[in-house]
Structure formats: C-alpha cells, structure tokens
Amino acid sequence: MTRVHWRAAGLVPPPDVHGRRWSAAVADAVAARHDEIIAVTGSEAPVGGHRAAARLARRTGLPVEKADVEALADAAVAERQAWTRASVSAQYAPAYLGWHRDEFTLEARSRGLRPGWMDRYAREDLDAIATGQPCG
C-alpha cells in the first residue's frame, strides 16, 4: 500500500488552538477515527534509507547500503516517469486516437493489444493502430 501522510491526506486537521496545538474536542474526534486513519496510512513507521538497506541486506544476503537504496529509488522513479511519458492511460487511449471507447476496445481486442504497466498503452502501439500498422 502506498504510504499516506495523515496531515496531507486531510485525516487530521491542523492545530486549532493558536495554530500550535489541538483542542480536546479535536483530539477526541481524531482519536475516535483511529481505525479509519490507520486503515488509510498503515501502521508501520516510515522506513529510512539505512533501515531499508538493512532489510534488503537481510533478505538478499548482499551488502546493501543506503546509497544503493537511493540509487534503486532513483532508477525506479526514472523508469516510471519515462514509461508515463511514452504511454497513455487505458482510460484516455480512445481519446488519444479520437475514437469512441467501443471502437477502440474492439480494435485493441482484435490485435491482442492489452495495457501494460500501470494500466497504460505504449504511444507507439496507439500510433500504429491509428495508421493501420502492426503494433510493436
């Protein structure tokens, strides 16, 4: 599950007494929503780079350091961003082609085309469909 910060998600209001602390009423209301907040944010404390490296080292038996975790995160983010730029969400693929959803669904199905990672179609495949060419 993706980590959600309780304040950013609007699960806990900002301090209501001089902007520095919560009144008893607000604190009680938040406490009453404990299970809801934990369901959204999770119960595990955030894991920093050193702890993540130690966990990976234990699980893989490899000497993993914080810098390795940072490099892995950088690579994963770069890969996700590159794919996002090179693709179109399944929801918007018909609009990308200027087609009706049913028309797109039939054509994609007939070509065996399915969305890839993050439920997205490669732009090059959609462009191939638009021009009647075979998909990648």
Protein backbone atom coordinates (compact mmCIF):
# COMPACT_ATOMS: atom_id res chain seq x y z
CA MET A 1 0.00 0.00 0.00
CA THR A 2 1.26 3.48 -0.77
CA ARG A 3 2.16 5.45 2.32
CA VAL A 4 -0.17 8.36 3.03
CA HIS A 5 0.77 11.14 5.42
CA TRP A 6 -2.10 11.71 7.82
CA ARG A 7 -1.96 15.51 7.62
CA ALA A 8 -1.54 15.75 3.84
CA ALA A 9 -4.46 13.37 3.35
CA GLY A 10 -6.73 15.54 5.47
CA LEU A 11 -7.21 12.79 8.05
CA VAL A 12 -6.08 15.00 10.91
CA PRO A 13 -6.90 18.70 10.92
CA PRO A 14 -4.28 21.35 11.63
CA PRO A 15 -3.92 22.52 15.24
CA ASP A 16 -6.93 24.63 16.15
CA VAL A 17 -5.61 26.44 19.23
CA HIS A 18 -3.42 29.35 18.16
CA GLY A 19 -2.19 27.14 15.28
CA ARG A 20 0.10 25.27 17.69
CA ARG A 21 -1.96 22.59 19.41
CA TRP A 22 -5.23 20.71 19.20
CA SER A 23 -8.17 21.38 21.45
CA ALA A 24 -9.51 18.49 23.49
CA ALA A 25 -12.56 18.30 21.22
CA VAL A 26 -10.45 17.95 18.06
CA ALA A 27 -8.09 15.47 19.72
CA ASP A 28 -11.04 13.36 20.85
CA ALA A 29 -12.58 13.44 17.37
CA VAL A 30 -9.29 12.32 15.82
CA ALA A 31 -8.84 9.58 18.43
CA ALA A 32 -12.33 8.31 17.65
CA ARG A 33 -11.23 7.89 13.99
CA HIS A 34 -8.11 5.87 14.91
CA ASP A 35 -9.08 2.75 12.94
CA GLU A 36 -10.02 4.77 9.85
CA ILE A 37 -6.73 6.68 9.93
CA ILE A 38 -4.66 3.51 10.36
CA ALA A 39 -6.58 1.83 7.53
CA VAL A 40 -5.52 4.65 5.19
CA THR A 41 -1.99 5.35 6.41
CA GLY A 42 -0.85 1.93 7.59
CA SER A 43 0.61 1.11 10.97
CA GLU A 44 4.32 0.79 10.14
CA ALA A 45 6.52 3.78 10.82
CA PRO A 46 8.31 5.24 7.80
CA VAL A 47 11.46 3.36 6.87
CA GLY A 48 14.55 5.45 6.16
CA GLY A 49 17.39 4.62 3.80
CA HIS A 50 19.57 2.92 6.41
CA ARG A 51 16.76 0.68 7.67
CA ALA A 52 15.65 -0.14 4.12
CA ALA A 53 19.24 -1.08 3.24
CA ALA A 54 19.49 -3.33 6.30
CA ARG A 55 16.22 -5.07 5.37
CA LEU A 56 17.35 -5.63 1.80
CA ALA A 57 20.71 -6.93 3.01
CA ARG A 58 18.99 -9.43 5.33
CA ARG A 59 16.61 -10.62 2.61
CA THR A 60 19.15 -10.86 -0.20
CA GLY A 61 22.31 -11.73 1.69
CA LEU A 62 24.05 -8.94 -0.20
CA PRO A 63 25.95 -5.98 1.27
CA VAL A 64 23.36 -3.22 0.71
CA GLU A 65 23.96 0.38 1.77
CA LYS A 66 21.77 3.46 1.97
CA ALA A 67 23.28 4.78 -1.28
CA ASP A 68 22.16 1.58 -3.02
CA VAL A 69 18.59 2.14 -1.85
CA GLU A 70 18.72 5.73 -3.08
CA ALA A 71 20.09 4.63 -6.47
CA LEU A 72 17.37 1.97 -6.73
CA ALA A 73 14.69 4.53 -5.90
CA ASP A 74 16.11 6.99 -8.44
CA ALA A 75 16.13 4.29 -11.14
CA ALA A 76 12.59 3.18 -10.32
CA VAL A 77 11.29 6.75 -10.44
CA ALA A 78 13.11 7.46 -13.71
CA GLU A 79 11.71 4.27 -15.26
CA ARG A 80 8.18 5.12 -14.15
CA GLN A 81 8.46 8.69 -15.47
CA ALA A 82 9.86 7.50 -18.81
CA TRP A 83 7.00 4.99 -19.20
CA THR A 84 4.45 7.63 -18.27
CA ARG A 85 5.81 9.95 -20.99
CA ALA A 86 5.88 7.10 -23.56
CA SER A 87 2.39 5.83 -22.80
CA VAL A 88 -1.27 6.75 -22.45
CA SER A 89 -3.60 5.57 -19.70
CA ALA A 90 -6.11 2.94 -20.74
CA GLN A 91 -8.84 5.37 -19.77
CA TYR A 92 -7.62 8.02 -22.26
CA ALA A 93 -6.38 5.76 -25.07
CA PRO A 94 -9.60 6.09 -27.13
CA ALA A 95 -9.50 9.89 -26.82
CA TYR A 96 -5.81 9.88 -27.80
CA LEU A 97 -6.87 8.24 -31.08
CA GLY A 98 -10.04 10.31 -31.40
CA TRP A 99 -12.13 7.13 -31.30
CA HIS A 100 -15.16 6.01 -29.34
CA ARG A 101 -14.39 3.64 -26.48
CA ASP A 102 -16.27 0.71 -28.06
CA GLU A 103 -14.41 1.17 -31.34
CA PHE A 104 -11.07 1.20 -29.54
CA THR A 105 -11.95 -1.82 -27.40
CA LEU A 106 -12.83 -3.89 -30.49
CA GLU A 107 -9.68 -2.89 -32.35
CA ALA A 108 -7.39 -3.47 -29.37
CA ARG A 109 -9.00 -6.85 -28.74
CA SER A 110 -8.68 -7.90 -32.39
CA ARG A 111 -4.95 -7.05 -32.26
CA GLY A 112 -4.42 -8.70 -28.88
CA LEU A 113 -3.30 -5.35 -27.51
CA ARG A 114 -3.51 -5.01 -23.76
CA PRO A 115 -2.41 -2.23 -21.48
CA GLY A 116 0.97 -2.68 -19.85
CA TRP A 117 2.44 -1.43 -16.61
CA MET A 118 0.27 1.00 -14.65
CA ASP A 119 -2.68 0.17 -16.95
CA ARG A 120 -1.17 2.19 -19.82
CA TYR A 121 -0.74 1.61 -23.57
CA ALA A 122 2.52 2.43 -25.33
CA ARG A 123 2.07 5.51 -27.52
CA GLU A 124 3.92 3.73 -30.34
CA ASP A 125 1.27 0.97 -30.30
CA LEU A 126 -1.55 3.51 -30.36
CA ASP A 127 0.15 5.39 -33.17
CA ALA A 128 0.48 2.09 -35.08
CA ILE A 129 -3.24 1.42 -34.64
CA ALA A 130 -4.03 4.93 -35.90
CA THR A 131 -2.05 4.35 -39.08
CA GLY A 132 -3.15 0.73 -39.61
CA GLN A 133 0.35 -0.62 -38.91
CA PRO A 134 1.13 -3.67 -36.78
CA CYS A 135 1.72 -2.98 -33.09
CA GLY A 136 5.21 -3.25 -31.60
